[in-house]
Amino acid sequence: KVSISKNSGRDFILVRDGFPVKRSHENTRWQEGYPRAIALDPNRPWLAYLGIDGDDGGGLFVSRDAGWHWKYSKGQPGSKRVYNALAVDPVNSDRLFWGAYGKRGGVYVSEDRGESWKYVFNQMTKIFDLAINPDGWIYVAGNLDGPAVFISKDHGKSWSLLKRFPGEGSAEALFIHPGDSRKVGVSIVKWFGGADGKIYFSEDAGESWLDITG
């Protein structure tokens, strides 16, 4: 289900229409499938996308009425084991990116709002998050024998390793400042239940990073 507020968060309405009635269990991130990633079209405010992990019921769901009703997309990426890596390219909002984890993991791109998909990135197959700046630069966070971030500056055609972070764990979440796209944040998590992760911040689009965990 998803939750929608019509009064700036004071109250929420639960929406279930179009979603599976049972949780998926095959090829999920943690034993069961959950609604994990949501993305909105910046040019069509009524168009929304949702990612649920799991081959037996998960995948990409599309709403054409601002989230009130959902449908399973006709086209699906090659892996449905998504965590949080779903984004719309602001340069061309027909273009979607989906990051998957594990077997067949990597990044998939759709040029037609999810109708069909192409596998464009496999240098890192454990993907947790994906973010796109206003120029269409794509940052991908995950695990490459340790926390790592890759970048594409040409809408997913080519990729390069931006940063390997020290220590164990995974680069689990990305943030791009809405007012200054050169400011980028990434969080590192060890998945051990403790508060021993890290937060790194860059003010030059990922050329250099500062540990701001504090």
C-alpha atoms as a PDB file:
ATOM      1  CA  LYS A   1       0.000   0.000   0.000  1.00  0.00           C
ATOM      2  CA  VAL A   2       0.942   3.667  -0.216  1.00  0.00           C
ATOM      3  CA  SER A   3      -0.135   6.567   1.971  1.00  0.00           C
ATOM      4  CA  ILE A   4      -1.383   9.857   0.525  1.00  0.00           C
ATOM      5  CA  SER A   5      -1.976  13.131   2.349  1.00  0.00           C
ATOM      6  CA  LYS A   6      -4.127  15.907   0.902  1.00  0.00           C
ATOM      7  CA  ASN A   7      -3.488  18.350   3.766  1.00  0.00           C
ATOM      8  CA  SER A   8       0.316  18.644   4.027  1.00  0.00           C
ATOM      9  CA  GLY A   9       0.744  15.562   6.198  1.00  0.00           C
ATOM     10  CA  ARG A  10      -1.849  16.140   8.909  1.00  0.00           C
ATOM     11  CA  ASP A  11      -3.814  13.063   7.804  1.00  0.00           C
ATOM     12  CA  PHE A  12      -3.085  10.159   5.460  1.00  0.00           C
ATOM     13  CA  ILE A  13      -5.234   7.862   3.350  1.00  0.00           C
ATOM     14  CA  LEU A  14      -4.083   4.293   2.642  1.00  0.00           C
ATOM     15  CA  VAL A  15      -4.278   3.226  -0.997  1.00  0.00           C
ATOM     16  CA  ARG A  16      -4.205  -0.452  -1.992  1.00  0.00           C
ATOM     17  CA  ASP A  17      -5.897  -0.455  -5.396  1.00  0.00           C
ATOM     18  CA  GLY A  18      -3.852  -2.351  -7.983  1.00  0.00           C
ATOM     19  CA  PHE A  19      -1.289  -3.841  -5.602  1.00  0.00           C
ATOM     20  CA  PRO A  20      -0.733  -7.561  -4.886  1.00  0.00           C
ATOM     21  CA  VAL A  21      -2.788  -8.962  -2.027  1.00  0.00           C
ATOM     22  CA  LYS A  22       0.160 -11.016  -0.707  1.00  0.00           C
ATOM     23  CA  ARG A  23       3.817 -10.214  -0.162  1.00  0.00           C
ATOM     24  CA  SER A  24       6.283 -11.702  -2.604  1.00  0.00           C
ATOM     25  CA  HIS A  25       9.013 -14.074  -1.388  1.00  0.00           C
ATOM     26  CA  GLU A  26      11.123 -14.935  -4.434  1.00  0.00           C
ATOM     27  CA  ASN A  27      14.192 -12.779  -5.126  1.00  0.00           C
ATOM     28  CA  THR A  28      13.412 -10.223  -2.411  1.00  0.00           C
ATOM     29  CA  ARG A  29      15.826  -8.051  -0.451  1.00  0.00           C
ATOM     30  CA  TRP A  30      14.772  -9.326   2.990  1.00  0.00           C
ATOM     31  CA  GLN A  31      12.711 -12.564   2.880  1.00  0.00           C
ATOM     32  CA  GLU A  32       9.520 -10.641   1.919  1.00  0.00           C
ATOM     33  CA  GLY A  33       8.736  -8.065  -0.744  1.00  0.00           C
ATOM     34  CA  TYR A  34       7.850  -4.505   0.243  1.00  0.00           C
ATOM     35  CA  PRO A  35       7.000  -1.255  -1.568  1.00  0.00           C
ATOM     36  CA  ARG A  36      10.532   0.185  -1.517  1.00  0.00           C
ATOM     37  CA  ALA A  37      10.976   2.913  -4.102  1.00  0.00           C
ATOM     38  CA  ILE A  38       8.719   5.674  -5.412  1.00  0.00           C
ATOM     39  CA  ALA A  39       9.381   8.248  -8.121  1.00  0.00           C
ATOM     40  CA  LEU A  40       7.284  11.094  -9.524  1.00  0.00           C
ATOM     41  CA  ASP A  41       7.406  12.538 -13.027  1.00  0.00           C
ATOM     42  CA  PRO A  42       8.517  16.195 -12.623  1.00  0.00           C
ATOM     43  CA  ASN A  43       6.646  17.231 -15.775  1.00  0.00           C
ATOM     44  CA  ARG A  44       3.472  15.202 -15.233  1.00  0.00           C
ATOM     45  CA  PRO A  45       2.440  15.534 -11.579  1.00  0.00           C
ATOM     46  CA  TRP A  46      -0.252  12.891 -11.987  1.00  0.00           C
ATOM     47  CA  LEU A  47       2.244  10.204 -13.126  1.00  0.00           C
ATOM     48  CA  ALA A  48       3.922   8.122 -10.403  1.00  0.00           C
ATOM     49  CA  TYR A  49       6.022   4.961 -10.298  1.00  0.00           C
ATOM     50  CA  LEU A  50       6.465   2.446  -7.492  1.00  0.00           C
ATOM     51  CA  GLY A  51       8.944  -0.421  -7.109  1.00  0.00           C
ATOM     52  CA  ILE A  52       8.171  -3.546  -5.070  1.00  0.00           C
ATOM     53  CA  ASP A  53      10.851  -6.214  -4.693  1.00  0.00           C
ATOM     54  CA  GLY A  54      10.146  -9.861  -5.526  1.00  0.00           C
ATOM     55  CA  ASP A  55       9.641 -11.939  -8.653  1.00  0.00           C
ATOM     56  CA  ASP A  56       6.316 -13.413  -7.501  1.00  0.00           C
ATOM     57  CA  GLY A  57       4.258 -10.222  -7.344  1.00  0.00           C
ATOM     58  CA  GLY A  58       6.803  -7.428  -7.231  1.00  0.00           C
ATOM     59  CA  GLY A  59       8.090  -5.138  -9.963  1.00  0.00           C
ATOM     60  CA  LEU A  60       7.189  -1.748 -11.383  1.00  0.00           C
ATOM     61  CA  PHE A  61       3.714  -0.316 -10.762  1.00  0.00           C
ATOM     62  CA  VAL A  62       2.394   2.845 -12.444  1.00  0.00           C
ATOM     63  CA  SER A  63      -0.257   5.345 -11.346  1.00  0.00           C
ATOM     64  CA  ARG A  64      -1.764   7.848 -13.774  1.00  0.00           C
ATOM     65  CA  ASP A  65      -3.944   9.638 -11.219  1.00  0.00           C
ATOM     66  CA  ALA A  66      -1.416  10.883  -8.646  1.00  0.00           C
ATOM     67  CA  GLY A  67      -1.240   7.613  -6.721  1.00  0.00           C
ATOM     68  CA  TRP A  68      -4.884   6.732  -6.149  1.00  0.00           C
ATOM     69  CA  HIS A  69      -4.929   3.726  -8.488  1.00  0.00           C
ATOM     70  CA  TRP A  70      -2.024   1.550  -9.653  1.00  0.00           C
ATOM     71  CA  LYS A  71      -1.359  -0.935 -12.438  1.00  0.00           C
ATOM     72  CA  TYR A  72       1.391  -3.464 -12.994  1.00  0.00           C
ATOM     73  CA  SER A  73       3.568  -2.124 -15.797  1.00  0.00           C
ATOM     74  CA  LYS A  74       3.495  -3.976 -19.122  1.00  0.00           C
ATOM     75  CA  GLY A  75       7.282  -3.803 -19.233  1.00  0.00           C
ATOM     76  CA  GLN A  76       9.469  -4.945 -16.350  1.00  0.00           C
ATOM     77  CA  PRO A  77      13.225  -4.669 -15.677  1.00  0.00           C
ATOM     78  CA  GLY A  78      15.334  -7.823 -15.801  1.00  0.00           C
ATOM     79  CA  SER A  79      15.477  -8.056 -12.003  1.00  0.00           C
ATOM     80  CA  LYS A  80      12.752  -7.041  -9.572  1.00  0.00           C
ATOM     81  CA  ARG A  81      14.972  -7.118  -6.499  1.00  0.00           C
ATOM     82  CA  VAL A  82      14.861  -3.372  -5.939  1.00  0.00           C
ATOM     83  CA  TYR A  83      15.772  -1.557  -2.742  1.00  0.00           C
ATOM     84  CA  ASN A  84      15.413   2.209  -3.251  1.00  0.00           C
ATOM     85  CA  ALA A  85      16.870   2.775  -6.711  1.00  0.00           C
ATOM     86  CA  LEU A  86      14.081   4.150  -8.887  1.00  0.00           C
ATOM     87  CA  ALA A  87      14.258   7.587 -10.516  1.00  0.00           C
ATOM     88  CA  VAL A  88      12.913   9.671 -13.393  1.00  0.00           C
ATOM     89  CA  ASP A  89      15.407  11.557 -15.561  1.00  0.00           C
ATOM     90  CA  PRO A  90      14.519  15.282 -15.260  1.00  0.00           C
ATOM     91  CA  VAL A  91      16.075  15.983 -18.668  1.00  0.00           C
ATOM     92  CA  ASN A  92      13.648  13.560 -20.359  1.00  0.00           C
ATOM     93  CA  SER A  93      10.923  12.325 -18.049  1.00  0.00           C
ATOM     94  CA  ASP A  94      10.004   9.467 -20.398  1.00  0.00           C
ATOM     95  CA  ARG A  95      13.286   7.923 -19.194  1.00  0.00           C
ATOM     96  CA  LEU A  96      13.289   5.838 -15.998  1.00  0.00           C
ATOM     97  CA  PHE A  97      16.156   4.159 -14.160  1.00  0.00           C
ATOM     98  CA  TRP A  98      15.829   1.074 -11.984  1.00  0.00           C
ATOM     99  CA  GLY A  99      18.659  -0.306  -9.839  1.00  0.00           C
ATOM    100  CA  ALA A 100      18.568  -3.955  -8.769  1.00  0.00           C
ATOM    101  CA  TYR A 101      20.477  -6.025  -6.212  1.00  0.00           C
ATOM    102  CA  GLY A 102      22.138  -9.433  -6.564  1.00  0.00           C
ATOM    103  CA  LYS A 103      21.634 -11.851  -9.449  1.00  0.00           C
ATOM    104  CA  ARG A 104      20.919  -9.820 -12.626  1.00  0.00           C
ATOM    105  CA  GLY A 105      21.583  -6.758 -10.481  1.00  0.00           C
ATOM    106  CA  GLY A 106      22.781  -3.434 -11.842  1.00  0.00           C
ATOM    107  CA  VAL A 107      20.930  -0.620 -13.579  1.00  0.00           C
ATOM    108  CA  TYR A 108      18.124  -0.868 -16.134  1.00  0.00           C
ATOM    109  CA  VAL A 109      16.797   2.015 -18.232  1.00  0.00           C
ATOM    110  CA  SER A 110      13.429   2.544 -19.891  1.00  0.00           C
ATOM    111  CA  GLU A 111      13.009   5.226 -22.559  1.00  0.00           C
ATOM    112  CA  ASP A 112       9.229   4.821 -22.750  1.00  0.00           C
ATOM    113  CA  ARG A 113       7.886   5.238 -19.178  1.00  0.00           C
ATOM    114  CA  GLY A 114       8.443   1.614 -18.217  1.00  0.00           C
ATOM    115  CA  GLU A 115       7.044  -0.074 -21.325  1.00  0.00           C
ATOM    116  CA  SER A 116      10.411  -1.688 -22.165  1.00  0.00           C
ATOM    117  CA  TRP A 117      13.795  -1.948 -20.460  1.00  0.00           C
ATOM    118  CA  LYS A 118      17.496  -2.227 -21.317  1.00  0.00           C
ATOM    119  CA  TYR A 119      20.326  -3.422 -19.073  1.00  0.00           C
ATOM    120  CA  VAL A 120      22.925  -0.608 -19.059  1.00  0.00           C
ATOM    121  CA  PHE A 121      25.170  -1.095 -16.015  1.00  0.00           C
ATOM    122  CA  ASN A 122      26.640  -4.242 -14.448  1.00  0.00           C
ATOM    123  CA  GLN A 123      29.954  -3.082 -12.945  1.00  0.00           C
ATOM    124  CA  MET A 124      28.268  -3.163  -9.524  1.00  0.00           C
ATOM    125  CA  THR A 125      25.417  -5.625  -9.027  1.00  0.00           C
ATOM    126  CA  LYS A 126      24.493  -4.764  -5.440  1.00  0.00           C
ATOM    127  CA  ILE A 127      22.584  -1.498  -5.927  1.00  0.00           C
ATOM    128  CA  PHE A 128      20.806   0.267  -3.067  1.00  0.00           C
ATOM    129  CA  ASP A 129      19.990   3.768  -4.304  1.00  0.00           C
ATOM    130  CA  LEU A 130      20.038   5.927  -7.410  1.00  0.00           C
ATOM    131  CA  ALA A 131      19.698   9.711  -7.770  1.00  0.00           C
ATOM    132  CA  ILE A 132      19.705  12.030 -10.789  1.00  0.00           C
ATOM    133  CA  ASN A 133      20.655  15.714 -10.775  1.00  0.00           C
ATOM    134  CA  PRO A 134      18.966  18.400 -12.957  1.00  0.00           C
ATOM    135  CA  ASP A 135      21.600  17.913 -15.687  1.00  0.00           C
ATOM    136  CA  GLY A 136      20.818  14.207 -15.923  1.00  0.00           C
ATOM    137  CA  TRP A 137      23.947  12.971 -14.116  1.00  0.00           C
ATOM    138  CA  ILE A 138      23.136   9.637 -12.490  1.00  0.00           C
ATOM    139  CA  TYR A 139      24.668   8.599  -9.182  1.00  0.00           C
ATOM    140  CA  VAL A 140      24.413   4.934  -8.145  1.00  0.00           C
ATOM    141  CA  ALA A 141      25.181   3.754  -4.611  1.00  0.00           C
ATOM    142  CA  GLY A 142      25.849   0.196  -3.527  1.00  0.00           C
ATOM    143  CA  ASN A 143      28.389  -2.418  -2.584  1.00  0.00           C
ATOM    144  CA  LEU A 144      31.482  -3.279  -4.653  1.00  0.00           C
ATOM    145  CA  ASP A 145      33.384  -5.297  -2.037  1.00  0.00           C
ATOM    146  CA  GLY A 146      32.726  -2.252   0.141  1.00  0.00           C
ATOM    147  CA  PRO A 147      30.798   1.017  -0.158  1.00  0.00           C
ATOM    148  CA  ALA A 148      31.008   2.572  -3.634  1.00  0.00           C
ATOM    149  CA  VAL A 149      29.340   5.155  -5.871  1.00  0.00           C
ATOM    150  CA  PHE A 150      29.342   5.153  -9.681  1.00  0.00           C
ATOM    151  CA  ILE A 151      28.315   8.001 -11.987  1.00  0.00           C
ATOM    152  CA  SER A 152      27.034   8.431 -15.533  1.00  0.00           C
ATOM    153  CA  LYS A 153      27.050  11.861 -17.186  1.00  0.00           C
ATOM    154  CA  ASP A 154      25.385  10.751 -20.438  1.00  0.00           C
ATOM    155  CA  HIS A 155      22.026   9.340 -19.297  1.00  0.00           C
ATOM    156  CA  GLY A 156      23.331   5.847 -18.614  1.00  0.00           C
ATOM    157  CA  LYS A 157      25.342   5.217 -21.784  1.00  0.00           C
ATOM    158  CA  SER A 158      28.716   5.093 -19.987  1.00  0.00           C
ATOM    159  CA  TRP A 159      29.723   4.794 -16.340  1.00  0.00           C
ATOM    160  CA  SER A 160      32.733   5.402 -14.150  1.00  0.00           C
ATOM    161  CA  LEU A 161      33.627   4.686 -10.539  1.00  0.00           C
ATOM    162  CA  LEU A 162      33.259   7.937  -8.627  1.00  0.00           C
ATOM    163  CA  LYS A 163      34.331   6.855  -5.146  1.00  0.00           C
ATOM    164  CA  ARG A 164      35.171   3.821  -3.053  1.00  0.00           C
ATOM    165  CA  PHE A 165      34.581   4.656   0.590  1.00  0.00           C
ATOM    166  CA  PRO A 166      36.769   3.160   3.329  1.00  0.00           C
ATOM    167  CA  GLY A 167      35.662   0.312   5.543  1.00  0.00           C
ATOM    168  CA  GLU A 168      32.998  -2.336   5.297  1.00  0.00           C
ATOM    169  CA  GLY A 169      29.316  -2.028   4.462  1.00  0.00           C
ATOM    170  CA  SER A 170      27.368  -0.499   1.609  1.00  0.00           C
ATOM    171  CA  ALA A 171      26.626   2.940   0.234  1.00  0.00           C
ATOM    172  CA  GLU A 172      22.936   2.771   1.051  1.00  0.00           C
ATOM    173  CA  ALA A 173      21.391   6.188   0.302  1.00  0.00           C
ATOM    174  CA  LEU A 174      22.070   9.204  -1.908  1.00  0.00           C
ATOM    175  CA  PHE A 175      20.943  12.817  -1.629  1.00  0.00           C
ATOM    176  CA  ILE A 176      21.339  15.681  -4.103  1.00  0.00           C
ATOM    177  CA  HIS A 177      20.721  19.184  -2.758  1.00  0.00           C
ATOM    178  CA  PRO A 178      17.644  20.616  -4.538  1.00  0.00           C
ATOM    179  CA  GLY A 179      19.164  24.095  -4.725  1.00  0.00           C
ATOM    180  CA  ASP A 180      22.743  23.163  -5.646  1.00  0.00           C
ATOM    181  CA  SER A 181      23.296  19.935  -7.562  1.00  0.00           C
ATOM    182  CA  ARG A 182      27.042  19.987  -6.836  1.00  0.00           C
ATOM    183  CA  LYS A 183      26.227  19.182  -3.206  1.00  0.00           C
ATOM    184  CA  VAL A 184      25.820  15.426  -2.834  1.00  0.00           C
ATOM    185  CA  GLY A 185      25.462  13.257   0.253  1.00  0.00           C
ATOM    186  CA  VAL A 186      25.856   9.507   0.701  1.00  0.00           C
ATOM    187  CA  SER A 187      25.254   7.301   3.725  1.00  0.00           C
ATOM    188  CA  ILE A 188      27.217   4.163   4.574  1.00  0.00           C
ATOM    189  CA  VAL A 189      25.574   1.357   6.535  1.00  0.00           C
ATOM    190  CA  LYS A 190      26.979  -1.907   7.906  1.00  0.00           C
ATOM    191  CA  TRP A 191      23.604  -3.673   8.359  1.00  0.00           C
ATOM    192  CA  PHE A 192      24.569  -4.849  11.864  1.00  0.00           C
ATOM    193  CA  GLY A 193      21.873  -2.932  13.708  1.00  0.00           C
ATOM    194  CA  GLY A 194      24.253  -0.499  15.348  1.00  0.00           C
ATOM    195  CA  ALA A 195      24.829   3.216  14.817  1.00  0.00           C
ATOM    196  CA  ASP A 196      28.282   2.719  13.315  1.00  0.00           C
ATOM    197  CA  GLY A 197      27.548   3.966   9.808  1.00  0.00           C
ATOM    198  CA  LYS A 198      28.910   7.084   8.133  1.00  0.00           C
ATOM    199  CA  ILE A 199      27.641  10.098   6.195  1.00  0.00           C
ATOM    200  CA  TYR A 200      29.878  11.667   3.541  1.00  0.00           C
ATOM    201  CA  PHE A 201      29.261  15.009   1.860  1.00  0.00           C
ATOM    202  CA  SER A 202      30.649  16.500  -1.354  1.00  0.00           C
ATOM    203  CA  GLU A 203      30.396  20.106  -2.518  1.00  0.00           C
ATOM    204  CA  ASP A 204      31.967  19.470  -5.929  1.00  0.00           C
ATOM    205  CA  ALA A 205      29.701  16.796  -7.487  1.00  0.00           C
ATOM    206  CA  GLY A 206      31.675  13.939  -5.985  1.00  0.00           C
ATOM    207  CA  GLU A 207      35.236  14.970  -6.781  1.00  0.00           C
ATOM    208  CA  SER A 208      36.081  15.136  -3.068  1.00  0.00           C
ATOM    209  CA  TRP A 209      34.256  13.954   0.043  1.00  0.00           C
ATOM    210  CA  LEU A 210      34.165  14.909   3.730  1.00  0.00           C
ATOM    211  CA  ASP A 211      33.072  12.658   6.590  1.00  0.00           C
ATOM    212  CA  ILE A 212      30.338  14.690   8.346  1.00  0.00           C
ATOM    213  CA  THR A 213      28.996  11.879  10.556  1.00  0.00           C
ATOM    214  CA  GLY A 214      29.472  13.890  13.762  1.00  0.00           C
END
